[in-house]
Amino acid sequence: MDKKELGKLSRKELLELMLSQSKEIDRLKEEIASLKEASRSREMLIKRAGTMAEASLLLSGVFEAADLAAKDYLENLKQMEGDVELRRQAILEDARVEANRIIQKAVEEGAIIRRDTESYIAERTKEYEEYCVRIKEMVAKIKQLGIVDE
C-alpha cells in the first residue's frame, strides 16, 4: 500500500490498520522469541552433535519453521492489503451515493425556490401593474378636475 492510498483512508481505518499491524507484530515477536529459543536449543544440539551432517539435519527444522513464519507473515500482509482496498472501495462508493443524494436534494430544493421566486415576482408584478393603473386613473381625474396643468 503506497502513501497515496494510505492518505485516502479515514482516521478510524488508519487506526484499525495500525492496531492490526501492531497485533501482527506482537504475534511475530512472540514467534521470533520462540524461534530464538528453538534456535538456542538447536545450537546446543549442534554442539553435541559433533558432525556437520547431524547439525544440518537438526537445523533443517529451524529453517523450515522460519520459512513458514515468513510465508505466513507475507500472506497476512497480502490479505490485509486486499481488505484495506475493499474497505477503500466501499467507502468511495458510499461517498458517491451520498454525493448524488445531496446533489439531487439541492436540485429539488432549487426547483422549489425557483418556483416560489417566480410566483412571488408574478404577484408583485401584478400588484405593481394594478397600482400603476390606479395612479393613471387618479392623474386623469386630477387633470379632469383641472387641479393640475398638463
Protein backbone atom coordinates (compact mmCIF):
# COMPACT_ATOMS: atom_id res chain seq x y z
CA MET A 1 0.00 0.00 0.00
CA ASP A 2 1.54 3.31 -1.01
CA LYS A 3 1.34 6.72 0.66
CA LYS A 4 -1.41 7.91 -1.67
CA GLU A 5 -3.70 5.03 -0.74
CA LEU A 6 -2.93 5.50 2.96
CA GLY A 7 -3.76 9.20 2.62
CA LYS A 8 -7.23 8.33 1.39
CA LEU A 9 -8.07 6.24 4.46
CA SER A 10 -10.07 7.73 7.30
CA ARG A 11 -8.54 8.16 10.70
CA LYS A 12 -10.54 5.21 12.01
CA GLU A 13 -9.35 2.99 9.18
CA LEU A 14 -5.76 4.02 9.76
CA LEU A 15 -6.09 3.26 13.46
CA GLU A 16 -7.63 -0.12 12.67
CA LEU A 17 -4.80 -0.83 10.25
CA MET A 18 -2.22 0.22 12.85
CA LEU A 19 -3.90 -1.93 15.51
CA SER A 20 -3.96 -4.89 13.16
CA GLN A 21 -0.29 -4.35 12.29
CA SER A 22 0.57 -3.98 15.97
CA LYS A 23 -1.14 -7.27 16.77
CA GLU A 24 0.64 -8.94 13.88
CA ILE A 25 3.98 -7.51 15.07
CA ASP A 26 3.32 -8.74 18.62
CA ARG A 27 2.47 -12.20 17.29
CA LEU A 28 5.58 -12.24 15.16
CA LYS A 29 7.73 -11.06 18.09
CA GLU A 30 6.41 -13.97 20.13
CA GLU A 31 7.08 -16.29 17.24
CA ILE A 32 10.61 -14.88 16.85
CA ALA A 33 11.23 -15.31 20.56
CA SER A 34 10.02 -18.88 20.28
CA LEU A 35 12.22 -19.44 17.24
CA LYS A 36 15.19 -17.91 19.04
CA GLU A 37 14.61 -20.26 21.91
CA ALA A 38 14.33 -23.13 19.47
CA SER A 39 17.50 -21.87 17.80
CA ARG A 40 19.33 -21.86 21.12
CA SER A 41 18.15 -25.38 21.72
CA ARG A 42 19.28 -26.32 18.24
CA GLU A 43 22.68 -24.74 18.86
CA MET A 44 23.05 -26.83 21.97
CA LEU A 45 22.14 -29.91 19.96
CA ILE A 46 24.60 -28.93 17.22
CA LYS A 47 27.39 -28.58 19.75
CA ARG A 48 26.51 -32.02 20.99
CA ALA A 49 26.02 -33.48 17.54
CA GLY A 50 29.62 -33.38 16.55
CA THR A 51 29.33 -33.75 12.81
CA MET A 52 28.15 -31.40 10.06
CA ALA A 53 25.67 -33.92 8.79
CA GLU A 54 24.00 -34.23 12.17
CA ALA A 55 23.97 -30.44 12.60
CA SER A 56 22.43 -29.99 9.16
CA LEU A 57 19.64 -32.42 9.98
CA LEU A 58 18.98 -30.66 13.29
CA LEU A 59 18.96 -27.14 11.74
CA SER A 60 16.60 -28.01 8.92
CA GLY A 61 13.66 -27.93 11.34
CA VAL A 62 14.56 -24.36 12.44
CA PHE A 63 14.85 -23.16 8.86
CA GLU A 64 11.56 -24.78 7.94
CA ALA A 65 9.85 -23.09 10.90
CA ALA A 66 11.40 -19.72 9.98
CA ASP A 67 10.37 -20.17 6.36
CA LEU A 68 6.80 -20.99 7.39
CA ALA A 69 6.69 -17.96 9.68
CA ALA A 70 7.91 -15.68 6.87
CA LYS A 71 5.36 -17.12 4.44
CA ASP A 72 2.57 -16.65 7.00
CA TYR A 73 3.62 -13.06 7.56
CA LEU A 74 3.66 -12.26 3.82
CA GLU A 75 0.31 -13.97 3.34
CA ASN A 76 -1.20 -11.92 6.18
CA LEU A 77 0.17 -8.70 4.68
CA LYS A 78 -1.34 -9.53 1.28
CA GLN A 79 -4.70 -10.33 2.86
CA MET A 80 -4.68 -7.11 4.90
CA GLU A 81 -3.82 -5.12 1.78
CA GLY A 82 -6.80 -6.69 0.00
CA ASP A 83 -9.07 -5.95 2.96
CA VAL A 84 -7.97 -2.31 3.01
CA GLU A 85 -8.61 -1.99 -0.73
CA LEU A 86 -12.11 -3.46 -0.35
CA ARG A 87 -12.86 -1.06 2.50
CA ARG A 88 -11.49 1.86 0.46
CA GLN A 89 -13.74 0.93 -2.47
CA ALA A 90 -16.78 0.58 -0.21
CA ILE A 91 -16.11 3.99 1.37
CA LEU A 92 -15.64 5.55 -2.05
CA GLU A 93 -18.93 4.07 -3.28
CA ASP A 94 -20.74 5.28 -0.15
CA ALA A 95 -19.31 8.76 -0.75
CA ARG A 96 -20.51 8.71 -4.37
CA VAL A 97 -24.01 7.66 -3.33
CA GLU A 98 -24.13 10.36 -0.65
CA ALA A 99 -22.84 13.00 -3.09
CA ASN A 100 -25.52 12.04 -5.62
CA ARG A 101 -28.18 12.20 -2.90
CA ILE A 102 -27.01 15.68 -1.85
CA ILE A 103 -26.94 16.88 -5.47
CA GLN A 104 -30.45 15.52 -6.11
CA LYS A 105 -31.74 17.20 -2.96
CA ALA A 106 -30.10 20.51 -3.98
CA VAL A 107 -31.68 20.28 -7.45
CA GLU A 108 -35.12 19.61 -5.93
CA GLU A 109 -34.79 22.42 -3.40
CA GLY A 110 -33.50 24.75 -6.15
CA ALA A 111 -36.59 23.98 -8.24
CA ILE A 112 -38.84 24.78 -5.28
CA ILE A 113 -37.01 28.06 -4.62
CA ARG A 114 -37.20 28.98 -8.33
CA ARG A 115 -40.94 28.21 -8.44
CA ASP A 116 -41.58 30.22 -5.27
CA THR A 117 -39.48 33.13 -6.55
CA GLU A 118 -41.25 33.18 -9.91
CA SER A 119 -44.61 33.11 -8.15
CA TYR A 120 -43.55 35.96 -5.86
CA ILE A 121 -42.31 38.04 -8.81
CA ALA A 122 -45.56 37.40 -10.72
CA GLU A 123 -47.64 38.52 -7.72
CA ARG A 124 -45.54 41.65 -7.17
CA THR A 125 -45.66 42.45 -10.90
CA LYS A 126 -49.43 42.14 -10.93
CA GLU A 127 -49.71 44.38 -7.84
CA TYR A 128 -47.37 46.93 -9.45
CA GLU A 129 -49.36 46.95 -12.69
CA GLU A 130 -52.64 47.43 -10.76
CA TYR A 131 -51.00 50.23 -8.77
CA CYS A 132 -49.84 51.90 -12.00
CA VAL A 133 -53.37 51.67 -13.46
CA ARG A 134 -54.82 53.32 -10.30
CA ILE A 135 -52.22 56.10 -10.44
CA LYS A 136 -53.01 56.74 -14.13
CA GLU A 137 -56.72 56.87 -13.28
CA MET A 138 -56.04 59.34 -10.44
CA VAL A 139 -53.88 61.51 -12.70
CA ALA A 140 -56.64 61.51 -15.31
CA LYS A 141 -59.25 62.55 -12.68
CA ILE A 142 -56.96 65.28 -11.36
CA LYS A 143 -56.48 66.61 -14.89
CA GLN A 144 -60.21 66.38 -15.47
CA LEU A 145 -60.86 68.46 -12.36
CA GLY A 146 -58.32 70.95 -13.57
CA ILE A 147 -56.26 70.88 -10.45
CA VAL A 148 -53.04 70.40 -12.38
CA ASP A 149 -51.95 71.66 -15.75
CA GLU A 150 -50.85 69.21 -18.34
